[in-house]
Amino acid sequence: MGRSERLQHQWALCEERDFERASRETLAVLDGLQGADMQDAQRVLGTCAYHQQRHQDALHWLGMACHASDDSNDWLGVALAAVRAGNPDVGAQAFEQVRLCQQAAKYAQWPGIHLQVYTYALALSDMRQWVAVGPLLDELKRAYKRLYCTDAAYVYRHGMPFLVAALELAARYFNAHGGRSAGVAWLQDLADGVDAEGGQEVERAIGELKEPVGK
């Protein structure tokens, strides 16, 4: 998504994590904006609200910015805000739009569908939406097995999260919901499909799985 030249200063404030000032200065010029400038202002306001944990406001502004957007990142912002605002159904609908945008762009939109899957799954796990997390982890596992090489730079170039980050999420999921035995089986299946370096990381992840309470 291209950034409006009129809002460069506000985006710079966001990058400096001065979200309060970025929001205030965007609101001050909002009435004079239209078209793409207005859409980008809505992105700024949604981004600020999200990082300030005002997730309902973030959902409002990012949802407005999504009108007629074919940018998967716009829709990802809506999905994340919706999940954290307690609207997982809206989040799921928005993430389907992420997939449709990536499909239409032949999966060329950065940061890549699998990084977006990971980011979405992480938000779901933070909100303990475990049932929705499992299929996303399975999707990531299949992608790592197709890629085979788990070198960090190689993985990132292919638009995927670092393996260690995905494994931390998997351990979190199986400790909270799936159970240790299911987690060990899932991780061993992954280890069988990746290189030796990745297999070592998976073994460490297995060590992080906990026995069920009472066993």
N, C-alpha and C. Protein backbone atom coordinates (compact mmCIF):
# COMPACT_ATOMS: atom_id res chain seq x y z
N MET A 1 0.85 -1.18 0.00
CA MET A 1 0.00 0.00 0.00
C MET A 1 0.89 1.24 0.00
N GLY A 2 0.60 2.16 -0.91
CA GLY A 2 1.38 3.38 -0.97
C GLY A 2 0.96 4.36 0.12
N ARG A 3 1.93 5.07 0.65
CA ARG A 3 1.64 6.05 1.68
C ARG A 3 1.48 7.43 1.07
N SER A 4 0.54 8.17 1.60
CA SER A 4 0.25 9.51 1.11
C SER A 4 1.41 10.45 1.47
N GLU A 5 1.80 11.26 0.51
CA GLU A 5 2.84 12.25 0.78
C GLU A 5 2.40 13.24 1.85
N ARG A 6 1.11 13.48 1.95
CA ARG A 6 0.60 14.44 2.93
C ARG A 6 0.68 13.91 4.36
N LEU A 7 0.92 12.61 4.49
CA LEU A 7 0.93 12.01 5.82
C LEU A 7 2.28 11.40 6.19
N GLN A 8 3.32 11.83 5.49
CA GLN A 8 4.64 11.29 5.77
C GLN A 8 5.07 11.56 7.22
N HIS A 9 4.77 12.76 7.70
CA HIS A 9 5.16 13.11 9.06
C HIS A 9 4.43 12.23 10.07
N GLN A 10 3.16 11.99 9.85
CA GLN A 10 2.38 11.16 10.77
C GLN A 10 2.90 9.73 10.78
N TRP A 11 3.25 9.20 9.61
CA TRP A 11 3.82 7.86 9.57
C TRP A 11 5.18 7.82 10.26
N ALA A 12 5.95 8.87 10.12
CA ALA A 12 7.25 8.93 10.81
C ALA A 12 7.04 8.90 12.32
N LEU A 13 6.01 9.58 12.80
CA LEU A 13 5.70 9.54 14.23
C LEU A 13 5.30 8.13 14.66
N CYS A 14 4.57 7.42 13.81
CA CYS A 14 4.23 6.03 14.11
C CYS A 14 5.48 5.18 14.24
N GLU A 15 6.42 5.38 13.32
CA GLU A 15 7.66 4.60 13.36
C GLU A 15 8.47 4.91 14.61
N GLU A 16 8.29 6.13 15.13
CA GLU A 16 8.94 6.50 16.39
C GLU A 16 8.12 6.07 17.60
N ARG A 17 6.97 5.43 17.32
CA ARG A 17 6.06 4.93 18.35
C ARG A 17 5.43 6.05 19.17
N ASP A 18 5.35 7.22 18.57
CA ASP A 18 4.64 8.34 19.19
C ASP A 18 3.22 8.33 18.65
N PHE A 19 2.45 7.33 19.05
CA PHE A 19 1.14 7.10 18.47
C PHE A 19 0.13 8.17 18.87
N GLU A 20 0.25 8.68 20.06
CA GLU A 20 -0.68 9.71 20.49
C GLU A 20 -0.57 10.95 19.63
N ARG A 21 0.66 11.38 19.38
CA ARG A 21 0.85 12.57 18.56
C ARG A 21 0.48 12.31 17.10
N ALA A 22 0.83 11.13 16.60
CA ALA A 22 0.48 10.80 15.22
C ALA A 22 -1.02 10.81 15.02
N SER A 23 -1.75 10.27 15.99
CA SER A 23 -3.21 10.27 15.90
C SER A 23 -3.77 11.68 15.98
N ARG A 24 -3.27 12.46 16.91
CA ARG A 24 -3.75 13.83 17.08
C ARG A 24 -3.50 14.66 15.82
N GLU A 25 -2.33 14.55 15.23
CA GLU A 25 -2.00 15.35 14.06
C GLU A 25 -2.76 14.87 12.81
N THR A 26 -3.10 13.59 12.78
CA THR A 26 -3.91 13.09 11.65
C THR A 26 -5.34 13.58 11.77
N LEU A 27 -5.89 13.53 12.96
CA LEU A 27 -7.25 14.02 13.16
C LEU A 27 -7.36 15.51 12.82
N ALA A 28 -6.29 16.25 13.06
CA ALA A 28 -6.31 17.69 12.82
C ALA A 28 -6.46 18.03 11.34
N VAL A 29 -6.00 17.13 10.46
CA VAL A 29 -6.08 17.42 9.02
C VAL A 29 -7.13 16.57 8.31
N LEU A 30 -7.84 15.74 9.06
CA LEU A 30 -8.72 14.75 8.44
C LEU A 30 -9.79 15.38 7.56
N ASP A 31 -10.40 16.47 8.01
CA ASP A 31 -11.50 17.08 7.25
C ASP A 31 -11.06 17.60 5.89
N GLY A 32 -9.77 17.86 5.71
CA GLY A 32 -9.29 18.37 4.44
C GLY A 32 -8.80 17.30 3.48
N LEU A 33 -9.00 16.04 3.83
CA LEU A 33 -8.49 14.94 3.00
C LEU A 33 -9.62 14.27 2.24
N GLN A 34 -9.26 13.64 1.15
CA GLN A 34 -10.22 12.85 0.38
C GLN A 34 -9.47 11.79 -0.42
N GLY A 35 -10.20 10.85 -0.95
CA GLY A 35 -9.60 9.83 -1.80
C GLY A 35 -8.52 9.02 -1.10
N ALA A 36 -7.41 8.84 -1.81
CA ALA A 36 -6.30 8.03 -1.28
C ALA A 36 -5.71 8.63 -0.02
N ASP A 37 -5.70 9.97 0.06
CA ASP A 37 -5.18 10.62 1.27
C ASP A 37 -6.06 10.29 2.48
N MET A 38 -7.36 10.31 2.29
CA MET A 38 -8.27 9.96 3.38
C MET A 38 -8.08 8.49 3.80
N GLN A 39 -7.95 7.62 2.81
CA GLN A 39 -7.76 6.20 3.11
C GLN A 39 -6.48 5.99 3.92
N ASP A 40 -5.43 6.71 3.56
CA ASP A 40 -4.17 6.54 4.28
C ASP A 40 -4.28 7.14 5.68
N ALA A 41 -5.02 8.21 5.84
CA ALA A 41 -5.23 8.77 7.18
C ALA A 41 -5.97 7.76 8.06
N GLN A 42 -6.92 7.06 7.48
CA GLN A 42 -7.63 6.03 8.23
C GLN A 42 -6.67 4.92 8.66
N ARG A 43 -5.72 4.59 7.79
CA ARG A 43 -4.71 3.60 8.17
C ARG A 43 -3.88 4.09 9.35
N VAL A 44 -3.48 5.35 9.29
CA VAL A 44 -2.70 5.91 10.39
C VAL A 44 -3.47 5.83 11.70
N LEU A 45 -4.72 6.27 11.66
CA LEU A 45 -5.54 6.28 12.87
C LEU A 45 -5.77 4.87 13.38
N GLY A 46 -5.98 3.93 12.47
CA GLY A 46 -6.16 2.55 12.88
C GLY A 46 -4.90 1.95 13.47
N THR A 47 -3.77 2.27 12.86
CA THR A 47 -2.48 1.78 13.36
C THR A 47 -2.21 2.32 14.75
N CYS A 48 -2.45 3.60 14.94
CA CYS A 48 -2.24 4.21 16.26
C CYS A 48 -3.14 3.56 17.31
N ALA A 49 -4.41 3.41 16.98
CA ALA A 49 -5.35 2.82 17.93
C ALA A 49 -4.95 1.39 18.28
N TYR A 50 -4.50 0.64 17.28
CA TYR A 50 -4.11 -0.75 17.52
C TYR A 50 -2.94 -0.83 18.50
N HIS A 51 -1.95 0.00 18.29
CA HIS A 51 -0.76 -0.05 19.15
C HIS A 51 -1.04 0.54 20.53
N GLN A 52 -2.09 1.33 20.63
CA GLN A 52 -2.51 1.83 21.94
C GLN A 52 -3.51 0.90 22.62
N GLN A 53 -3.73 -0.26 21.98
CA GLN A 53 -4.65 -1.28 22.49
C GLN A 53 -6.10 -0.78 22.56
N ARG A 54 -6.43 0.15 21.72
CA ARG A 54 -7.82 0.59 21.54
C ARG A 54 -8.36 -0.17 20.32
N HIS A 55 -8.61 -1.45 20.52
CA HIS A 55 -8.82 -2.33 19.38
C HIS A 55 -10.16 -2.09 18.68
N GLN A 56 -11.17 -1.67 19.41
CA GLN A 56 -12.44 -1.37 18.75
C GLN A 56 -12.30 -0.15 17.83
N ASP A 57 -11.57 0.87 18.30
CA ASP A 57 -11.29 2.03 17.44
C ASP A 57 -10.44 1.63 16.25
N ALA A 58 -9.47 0.75 16.49
CA ALA A 58 -8.62 0.28 15.40
C ALA A 58 -9.45 -0.44 14.35
N LEU A 59 -10.38 -1.27 14.80
CA LEU A 59 -11.25 -1.99 13.87
C LEU A 59 -12.08 -1.01 13.05
N HIS A 60 -12.56 0.04 13.68
CA HIS A 60 -13.36 1.06 12.97
C HIS A 60 -12.53 1.71 11.86
N TRP A 61 -11.37 2.24 12.21
CA TRP A 61 -10.59 2.99 11.23
C TRP A 61 -9.99 2.08 10.16
N LEU A 62 -9.47 0.93 10.55
CA LEU A 62 -8.88 0.03 9.56
C LEU A 62 -9.95 -0.55 8.65
N GLY A 63 -11.14 -0.78 9.21
CA GLY A 63 -12.25 -1.24 8.37
C GLY A 63 -12.62 -0.22 7.32
N MET A 64 -12.60 1.05 7.68
CA MET A 64 -12.90 2.10 6.71
C MET A 64 -11.82 2.18 5.64
N ALA A 65 -10.58 1.99 6.05
CA ALA A 65 -9.46 2.05 5.10
C ALA A 65 -9.51 0.89 4.10
N CYS A 66 -10.21 -0.18 4.43
CA CYS A 66 -10.26 -1.37 3.58
C CYS A 66 -11.23 -1.26 2.42
N HIS A 67 -12.08 -0.28 2.41
CA HIS A 67 -13.09 -0.17 1.36
C HIS A 67 -12.42 -0.17 -0.02
N ALA A 68 -12.76 -1.16 -0.81
CA ALA A 68 -12.24 -1.31 -2.18
C ALA A 68 -10.74 -1.59 -2.23
N SER A 69 -10.15 -1.97 -1.11
CA SER A 69 -8.71 -2.24 -1.10
C SER A 69 -8.42 -3.65 -1.60
N ASP A 70 -7.38 -3.78 -2.41
CA ASP A 70 -6.92 -5.10 -2.83
C ASP A 70 -5.57 -5.43 -2.20
N ASP A 71 -5.24 -4.71 -1.11
CA ASP A 71 -3.98 -4.92 -0.40
C ASP A 71 -4.23 -5.87 0.77
N SER A 72 -3.57 -7.00 0.77
CA SER A 72 -3.77 -7.99 1.83
C SER A 72 -3.42 -7.44 3.20
N ASN A 73 -2.48 -6.50 3.27
CA ASN A 73 -2.08 -5.95 4.56
C ASN A 73 -3.16 -5.08 5.18
N ASP A 74 -3.95 -4.42 4.35
CA ASP A 74 -5.10 -3.68 4.88
C ASP A 74 -6.05 -4.64 5.59
N TRP A 75 -6.34 -5.75 4.93
CA TRP A 75 -7.28 -6.72 5.51
C TRP A 75 -6.69 -7.44 6.71
N LEU A 76 -5.38 -7.66 6.70
CA LEU A 76 -4.75 -8.27 7.87
C LEU A 76 -4.91 -7.38 9.09
N GLY A 77 -4.76 -6.06 8.91
CA GLY A 77 -4.96 -5.14 10.01
C GLY A 77 -6.34 -5.25 10.60
N VAL A 78 -7.35 -5.39 9.73
CA VAL A 78 -8.73 -5.56 10.21
C VAL A 78 -8.86 -6.88 10.97
N ALA A 79 -8.28 -7.94 10.44
CA ALA A 79 -8.37 -9.25 11.08
C ALA A 79 -7.77 -9.22 12.48
N LEU A 80 -6.60 -8.62 12.61
CA LEU A 80 -5.93 -8.56 13.91
C LEU A 80 -6.71 -7.71 14.90
N ALA A 81 -7.19 -6.55 14.43
CA ALA A 81 -7.95 -5.67 15.32
C ALA A 81 -9.25 -6.35 15.76
N ALA A 82 -9.90 -7.05 14.83
CA ALA A 82 -11.16 -7.71 15.17
C ALA A 82 -10.94 -8.79 16.22
N VAL A 83 -9.92 -9.59 16.05
CA VAL A 83 -9.64 -10.65 17.02
C VAL A 83 -9.39 -10.06 18.39
N ARG A 84 -8.57 -9.03 18.44
CA ARG A 84 -8.22 -8.44 19.74
C ARG A 84 -9.37 -7.62 20.33
N ALA A 85 -10.31 -7.22 19.49
CA ALA A 85 -11.50 -6.52 19.99
C ALA A 85 -12.59 -7.49 20.43
N GLY A 86 -12.31 -8.80 20.30
CA GLY A 86 -13.28 -9.80 20.73
C GLY A 86 -14.31 -10.15 19.68
N ASN A 87 -13.95 -9.94 18.39
CA ASN A 87 -14.85 -10.25 17.28
C ASN A 87 -14.18 -11.26 16.34
N PRO A 88 -13.97 -12.50 16.80
CA PRO A 88 -13.23 -13.46 15.98
C PRO A 88 -13.90 -13.79 14.66
N ASP A 89 -15.24 -13.74 14.59
CA ASP A 89 -15.92 -14.02 13.32
C ASP A 89 -15.59 -12.96 12.28
N VAL A 90 -15.57 -11.70 12.72
CA VAL A 90 -15.18 -10.62 11.81
C VAL A 90 -13.72 -10.79 11.40
N GLY A 91 -12.90 -11.21 12.35
CA GLY A 91 -11.49 -11.46 12.05
C GLY A 91 -11.33 -12.55 11.00
N ALA A 92 -12.09 -13.62 11.13
CA ALA A 92 -12.00 -14.72 10.17
C ALA A 92 -12.42 -14.27 8.77
N GLN A 93 -13.48 -13.46 8.71
CA GLN A 93 -13.94 -12.95 7.41
C GLN A 93 -12.87 -12.05 6.79
N ALA A 94 -12.25 -11.21 7.61
CA ALA A 94 -11.20 -10.33 7.09
C ALA A 94 -10.00 -11.14 6.62
N PHE A 95 -9.67 -12.21 7.34
CA PHE A 95 -8.50 -12.98 6.92
C PHE A 95 -8.77 -13.74 5.62
N GLU A 96 -10.03 -14.08 5.36
CA GLU A 96 -10.35 -14.66 4.07
C GLU A 96 -10.06 -13.66 2.95
N GLN A 97 -10.29 -12.38 3.23
CA GLN A 97 -9.95 -11.34 2.24
C GLN A 97 -8.44 -11.23 2.06
N VAL A 98 -7.69 -11.44 3.13
CA VAL A 98 -6.22 -11.50 3.00
C VAL A 98 -5.85 -12.56 1.97
N ARG A 99 -6.44 -13.73 2.12
CA ARG A 99 -6.12 -14.83 1.20
C ARG A 99 -6.53 -14.50 -0.24
N LEU A 100 -7.70 -13.89 -0.40
CA LEU A 100 -8.18 -13.56 -1.74
C LEU A 100 -7.27 -12.52 -2.40
N CYS A 101 -6.83 -11.53 -1.62
CA CYS A 101 -5.92 -10.51 -2.16
C CYS A 101 -4.60 -11.14 -2.59
N GLN A 102 -4.07 -12.02 -1.75
CA GLN A 102 -2.81 -12.68 -2.10
C GLN A 102 -2.99 -13.57 -3.33
N GLN A 103 -4.10 -14.28 -3.39
CA GLN A 103 -4.35 -15.13 -4.55
C GLN A 103 -4.43 -14.31 -5.83
N ALA A 104 -5.14 -13.18 -5.76
CA ALA A 104 -5.28 -12.32 -6.95
C ALA A 104 -3.93 -11.75 -7.38
N ALA A 105 -3.05 -11.51 -6.40
CA ALA A 105 -1.72 -10.97 -6.70
C ALA A 105 -0.70 -12.07 -6.95
N LYS A 106 -1.16 -13.32 -7.08
CA LYS A 106 -0.29 -14.48 -7.29
C LYS A 106 0.74 -14.59 -6.17
N TYR A 107 0.28 -14.26 -4.96
CA TYR A 107 1.07 -14.39 -3.72
C TYR A 107 2.35 -13.55 -3.76
N ALA A 108 2.28 -12.41 -4.46
CA ALA A 108 3.45 -11.54 -4.57
C ALA A 108 3.45 -10.41 -3.56
N GLN A 109 2.37 -10.25 -2.79
CA GLN A 109 2.32 -9.15 -1.83
C GLN A 109 3.16 -9.47 -0.61
N TRP A 110 4.00 -8.53 -0.23
CA TRP A 110 4.86 -8.69 0.94
C TRP A 110 4.07 -8.30 2.19
N PRO A 111 4.21 -9.01 3.32
CA PRO A 111 5.33 -9.90 3.66
C PRO A 111 5.12 -11.35 3.29
N GLY A 112 4.08 -11.71 2.60
CA GLY A 112 3.85 -13.09 2.21
C GLY A 112 2.75 -13.72 3.05
N ILE A 113 2.03 -14.65 2.43
CA ILE A 113 0.86 -15.22 3.07
C ILE A 113 1.21 -15.98 4.35
N HIS A 114 2.36 -16.63 4.39
CA HIS A 114 2.66 -17.44 5.57
C HIS A 114 3.10 -16.59 6.76
N LEU A 115 3.75 -15.48 6.51
CA LEU A 115 3.99 -14.55 7.61
C LEU A 115 2.68 -13.96 8.11
N GLN A 116 1.76 -13.73 7.20
CA GLN A 116 0.45 -13.22 7.59
C GLN A 116 -0.34 -14.27 8.37
N VAL A 117 -0.25 -15.53 7.96
CA VAL A 117 -0.89 -16.61 8.70
C VAL A 117 -0.34 -16.67 10.12
N TYR A 118 0.98 -16.58 10.23
CA TYR A 118 1.61 -16.64 11.56
C TYR A 118 1.15 -15.47 12.43
N THR A 119 1.13 -14.27 11.89
CA THR A 119 0.74 -13.09 12.64
C THR A 119 -0.70 -13.20 13.12
N TYR A 120 -1.56 -13.68 12.25
CA TYR A 120 -2.97 -13.89 12.59
C TYR A 120 -3.11 -14.96 13.67
N ALA A 121 -2.39 -16.06 13.52
CA ALA A 121 -2.45 -17.14 14.51
C ALA A 121 -1.95 -16.67 15.87
N LEU A 122 -0.94 -15.82 15.87
CA LEU A 122 -0.41 -15.30 17.12
C LEU A 122 -1.46 -14.47 17.84
N ALA A 123 -2.18 -13.62 17.10
CA ALA A 123 -3.25 -12.83 17.71
C ALA A 123 -4.35 -13.74 18.26
N LEU A 124 -4.70 -14.77 17.52
CA LEU A 124 -5.71 -15.71 18.00
C LEU A 124 -5.25 -16.41 19.27
N SER A 125 -3.98 -16.76 19.33
CA SER A 125 -3.47 -17.44 20.52
C SER A 125 -3.47 -16.50 21.72
N ASP A 126 -3.17 -15.24 21.49
CA ASP A 126 -3.21 -14.27 22.59
C ASP A 126 -4.61 -14.16 23.18
N MET A 127 -5.61 -14.38 22.34
CA MET A 127 -7.00 -14.30 22.79
C MET A 127 -7.57 -15.68 23.12
N ARG A 128 -6.69 -16.69 23.13
CA ARG A 128 -7.05 -18.06 23.50
C ARG A 128 -8.12 -18.64 22.57
N GLN A 129 -8.06 -18.29 21.31
CA GLN A 129 -8.95 -18.85 20.30
C GLN A 129 -8.27 -20.09 19.70
N TRP A 130 -8.10 -21.11 20.55
CA TRP A 130 -7.25 -22.24 20.19
C TRP A 130 -7.79 -23.05 19.02
N VAL A 131 -9.09 -23.20 18.92
CA VAL A 131 -9.66 -24.01 17.84
C VAL A 131 -9.26 -23.46 16.48
N ALA A 132 -9.18 -22.14 16.37
CA ALA A 132 -8.81 -21.51 15.10
C ALA A 132 -7.30 -21.57 14.86
N VAL A 133 -6.52 -21.71 15.92
CA VAL A 133 -5.06 -21.71 15.77
C VAL A 133 -4.56 -23.01 15.14
N GLY A 134 -5.15 -24.14 15.52
CA GLY A 134 -4.66 -25.44 15.05
C GLY A 134 -4.52 -25.55 13.53
N PRO A 135 -5.56 -25.25 12.74
CA PRO A 135 -5.43 -25.36 11.29
C PRO A 135 -4.37 -24.43 10.71
N LEU A 136 -4.17 -23.28 11.32
CA LEU A 136 -3.14 -22.35 10.84
C LEU A 136 -1.75 -22.92 11.08
N LEU A 137 -1.55 -23.56 12.23
CA LEU A 137 -0.28 -24.23 12.49
C LEU A 137 -0.04 -25.35 11.49
N ASP A 138 -1.09 -26.11 11.18
CA ASP A 138 -0.95 -27.17 10.17
C ASP A 138 -0.54 -26.59 8.82
N GLU A 139 -1.11 -25.45 8.48
CA GLU A 139 -0.76 -24.78 7.22
C GLU A 139 0.71 -24.38 7.22
N LEU A 140 1.19 -23.85 8.33
CA LEU A 140 2.60 -23.47 8.42
C LEU A 140 3.50 -24.70 8.34
N LYS A 141 3.10 -25.78 8.99
CA LYS A 141 3.91 -27.00 8.94
C LYS A 141 4.07 -27.49 7.51
N ARG A 142 2.99 -27.50 6.77
CA ARG A 142 3.07 -27.94 5.37
C ARG A 142 4.00 -27.05 4.57
N ALA A 143 3.97 -25.76 4.85
CA ALA A 143 4.83 -24.83 4.12
C ALA A 143 6.30 -25.06 4.45
N TYR A 144 6.63 -25.30 5.71
CA TYR A 144 8.02 -25.59 6.06
C TYR A 144 8.50 -26.88 5.41
N LYS A 145 7.64 -27.87 5.36
CA LYS A 145 8.04 -29.14 4.74
C LYS A 145 8.26 -28.98 3.24
N ARG A 146 7.46 -28.14 2.61
CA ARG A 146 7.69 -27.87 1.18
C ARG A 146 9.01 -27.14 0.97
N LEU A 147 9.29 -26.22 1.87
CA LEU A 147 10.52 -25.42 1.74
C LEU A 147 11.75 -26.24 2.07
N TYR A 148 11.65 -27.11 3.05
CA TYR A 148 12.69 -28.02 3.55
C TYR A 148 13.81 -27.28 4.28
N CYS A 149 14.49 -26.36 3.61
CA CYS A 149 15.57 -25.61 4.23
C CYS A 149 15.00 -24.64 5.26
N THR A 150 15.60 -24.62 6.46
CA THR A 150 15.08 -23.76 7.52
C THR A 150 16.06 -22.66 7.92
N ASP A 151 17.09 -22.44 7.10
CA ASP A 151 18.00 -21.32 7.35
C ASP A 151 17.20 -20.02 7.47
N ALA A 152 17.51 -19.22 8.49
CA ALA A 152 16.68 -18.05 8.79
C ALA A 152 16.57 -17.10 7.60
N ALA A 153 17.68 -16.79 6.96
CA ALA A 153 17.65 -15.86 5.84
C ALA A 153 16.85 -16.44 4.67
N TYR A 154 17.01 -17.73 4.43
CA TYR A 154 16.29 -18.39 3.34
C TYR A 154 14.79 -18.39 3.60
N VAL A 155 14.42 -18.71 4.83
CA VAL A 155 13.01 -18.74 5.21
C VAL A 155 12.39 -17.35 5.05
N TYR A 156 13.09 -16.33 5.51
CA TYR A 156 12.55 -14.97 5.44
C TYR A 156 12.38 -14.52 3.99
N ARG A 157 13.34 -14.87 3.13
CA ARG A 157 13.23 -14.50 1.72
C ARG A 157 11.99 -15.12 1.07
N HIS A 158 11.54 -16.21 1.62
CA HIS A 158 10.36 -16.89 1.07
C HIS A 158 9.08 -16.47 1.79
N GLY A 159 9.16 -15.37 2.55
CA GLY A 159 7.95 -14.81 3.15
C GLY A 159 7.36 -15.67 4.24
N MET A 160 8.23 -16.30 5.03
CA MET A 160 7.75 -17.16 6.11
C MET A 160 8.37 -16.71 7.43
N PRO A 161 7.69 -17.00 8.54
CA PRO A 161 8.28 -16.67 9.85
C PRO A 161 9.48 -17.56 10.13
N PHE A 162 10.40 -17.06 10.96
CA PHE A 162 11.51 -17.90 11.38
C PHE A 162 10.95 -19.15 12.05
N LEU A 163 11.60 -20.27 11.83
CA LEU A 163 11.09 -21.53 12.37
C LEU A 163 10.95 -21.48 13.88
N VAL A 164 11.93 -20.86 14.56
CA VAL A 164 11.87 -20.83 16.02
C VAL A 164 10.62 -20.10 16.51
N ALA A 165 10.18 -19.08 15.79
CA ALA A 165 8.97 -18.35 16.18
C ALA A 165 7.74 -19.24 16.02
N ALA A 166 7.66 -19.96 14.92
CA ALA A 166 6.53 -20.86 14.70
C ALA A 166 6.52 -21.98 15.73
N LEU A 167 7.70 -22.46 16.11
CA LEU A 167 7.78 -23.53 17.10
C LEU A 167 7.35 -23.04 18.48
N GLU A 168 7.68 -21.81 18.80
CA GLU A 168 7.22 -21.23 20.08
C GLU A 168 5.70 -21.16 20.11
N LEU A 169 5.11 -20.78 18.99
CA LEU A 169 3.66 -20.73 18.91
C LEU A 169 3.07 -22.13 19.03
N ALA A 170 3.70 -23.11 18.37
CA ALA A 170 3.21 -24.48 18.45
C ALA A 170 3.26 -25.00 19.88
N ALA A 171 4.37 -24.74 20.58
CA ALA A 171 4.49 -25.19 21.98
C ALA A 171 3.41 -24.53 22.83
N ARG A 172 3.17 -23.27 22.58
CA ARG A 172 2.13 -22.56 23.32
C ARG A 172 0.77 -23.19 23.08
N TYR A 173 0.50 -23.52 21.83
CA TYR A 173 -0.79 -24.12 21.47
C TYR A 173 -0.96 -25.49 22.13
N PHE A 174 0.03 -26.36 21.97
CA PHE A 174 -0.13 -27.72 22.50
C PHE A 174 -0.11 -27.74 24.03
N ASN A 175 0.63 -26.84 24.65
CA ASN A 175 0.60 -26.77 26.11
C ASN A 175 -0.76 -26.31 26.63
N ALA A 176 -1.40 -25.41 25.88
CA ALA A 176 -2.66 -24.84 26.34
C ALA A 176 -3.88 -25.65 25.89
N HIS A 177 -3.75 -26.34 24.77
CA HIS A 177 -4.96 -26.91 24.17
C HIS A 177 -4.77 -28.33 23.62
N GLY A 178 -3.75 -28.53 22.83
CA GLY A 178 -3.65 -29.80 22.09
C GLY A 178 -3.17 -30.97 22.91
N GLY A 179 -2.34 -30.72 23.93
CA GLY A 179 -1.79 -31.80 24.73
C GLY A 179 -0.41 -32.22 24.27
N ARG A 180 0.37 -32.77 25.21
CA ARG A 180 1.76 -33.09 24.91
C ARG A 180 1.90 -34.19 23.87
N SER A 181 1.13 -35.26 23.98
CA SER A 181 1.29 -36.37 23.04
C SER A 181 0.98 -35.92 21.61
N ALA A 182 -0.08 -35.14 21.45
CA ALA A 182 -0.41 -34.62 20.12
C ALA A 182 0.68 -33.67 19.63
N GLY A 183 1.23 -32.88 20.56
CA GLY A 183 2.29 -31.95 20.19
C GLY A 183 3.55 -32.67 19.75
N VAL A 184 3.92 -33.72 20.46
CA VAL A 184 5.11 -34.49 20.08
C VAL A 184 4.93 -35.09 18.69
N ALA A 185 3.77 -35.67 18.42
CA ALA A 185 3.51 -36.25 17.11
C ALA A 185 3.57 -35.19 16.01
N TRP A 186 2.97 -34.03 16.28
CA TRP A 186 2.95 -32.94 15.29
C TRP A 186 4.38 -32.48 15.00
N LEU A 187 5.15 -32.29 16.05
CA LEU A 187 6.52 -31.80 15.88
C LEU A 187 7.42 -32.84 15.22
N GLN A 188 7.26 -34.11 15.55
CA GLN A 188 8.08 -35.14 14.92
C GLN A 188 7.77 -35.24 13.44
N ASP A 189 6.51 -35.05 13.08
CA ASP A 189 6.15 -35.05 11.66
C ASP A 189 6.83 -33.89 10.94
N LEU A 190 6.88 -32.75 11.60
CA LEU A 190 7.58 -31.60 11.02
C LEU A 190 9.07 -31.89 10.88
N ALA A 191 9.67 -32.47 11.93
CA ALA A 191 11.11 -32.75 11.89
C ALA A 191 11.48 -33.68 10.74
N ASP A 192 10.58 -34.60 10.41
CA ASP A 192 10.85 -35.55 9.33
C ASP A 192 10.88 -34.88 7.96
N GLY A 193 10.33 -33.66 7.88
CA GLY A 193 10.22 -33.02 6.58
C GLY A 193 11.12 -31.81 6.37
N VAL A 194 12.01 -31.53 7.34
CA VAL A 194 12.89 -30.37 7.21
C VAL A 194 14.35 -30.81 7.36
N ASP A 195 15.26 -29.86 7.15
CA ASP A 195 16.68 -30.18 7.21
C ASP A 195 17.15 -30.45 8.64
N ALA A 196 18.42 -30.85 8.77
CA ALA A 196 18.95 -31.24 10.08
C ALA A 196 18.91 -30.08 11.07
N GLU A 197 19.22 -28.88 10.60
CA GLU A 197 19.19 -27.72 11.49
C GLU A 197 17.78 -27.50 12.03
N GLY A 198 16.80 -27.61 11.16
CA GLY A 198 15.42 -27.47 11.60
C GLY A 198 15.02 -28.59 12.54
N GLY A 199 15.49 -29.80 12.28
CA GLY A 199 15.19 -30.92 13.14
C GLY A 199 15.69 -30.69 14.56
N GLN A 200 16.86 -30.07 14.69
CA GLN A 200 17.39 -29.77 16.03
C GLN A 200 16.51 -28.76 16.75
N GLU A 201 16.02 -27.76 16.01
CA GLU A 201 15.12 -26.78 16.62
C GLU A 201 13.82 -27.45 17.07
N VAL A 202 13.34 -28.39 16.27
CA VAL A 202 12.12 -29.10 16.64
C VAL A 202 12.33 -29.92 17.91
N GLU A 203 13.47 -30.56 18.03
CA GLU A 203 13.76 -31.34 19.24
C GLU A 203 13.74 -30.45 20.48
N ARG A 204 14.26 -29.25 20.35
CA ARG A 204 14.22 -28.32 21.49
C ARG A 204 12.77 -27.95 21.82
N ALA A 205 11.96 -27.79 20.78
CA ALA A 205 10.55 -27.46 21.01
C ALA A 205 9.83 -28.60 21.73
N ILE A 206 10.16 -29.83 21.36
CA ILE A 206 9.55 -30.97 22.05
C ILE A 206 9.85 -30.92 23.53
N GLY A 207 11.05 -30.49 23.86
CA GLY A 207 11.43 -30.38 25.27
C GLY A 207 10.64 -29.34 26.02
N GLU A 208 10.02 -28.40 25.31
CA GLU A 208 9.24 -27.35 25.95
C GLU A 208 7.79 -27.77 26.19
N LEU A 209 7.39 -28.92 25.67
CA LEU A 209 6.03 -29.38 25.88
C LEU A 209 5.89 -29.93 27.30
N LYS A 210 4.77 -29.66 27.89
CA LYS A 210 4.53 -30.04 29.28
C LYS A 210 3.64 -31.26 29.37
N GLU A 211 3.84 -32.02 30.44
CA GLU A 211 2.94 -33.12 30.72
C GLU A 211 1.58 -32.56 31.15
N PRO A 212 0.50 -33.24 30.82
CA PRO A 212 -0.81 -32.78 31.28
C PRO A 212 -0.86 -32.68 32.80
N VAL A 213 -1.62 -31.75 33.30
CA VAL A 213 -1.76 -31.57 34.76
C VAL A 213 -2.32 -32.86 35.35
N GLY A 214 -1.70 -33.30 36.45
CA GLY A 214 -2.18 -34.49 37.14
C GLY A 214 -1.48 -35.76 36.71
N LYS A 215 -0.55 -35.63 35.72
CA LYS A 215 0.16 -36.84 35.28
C LYS A 215 1.54 -36.86 35.86
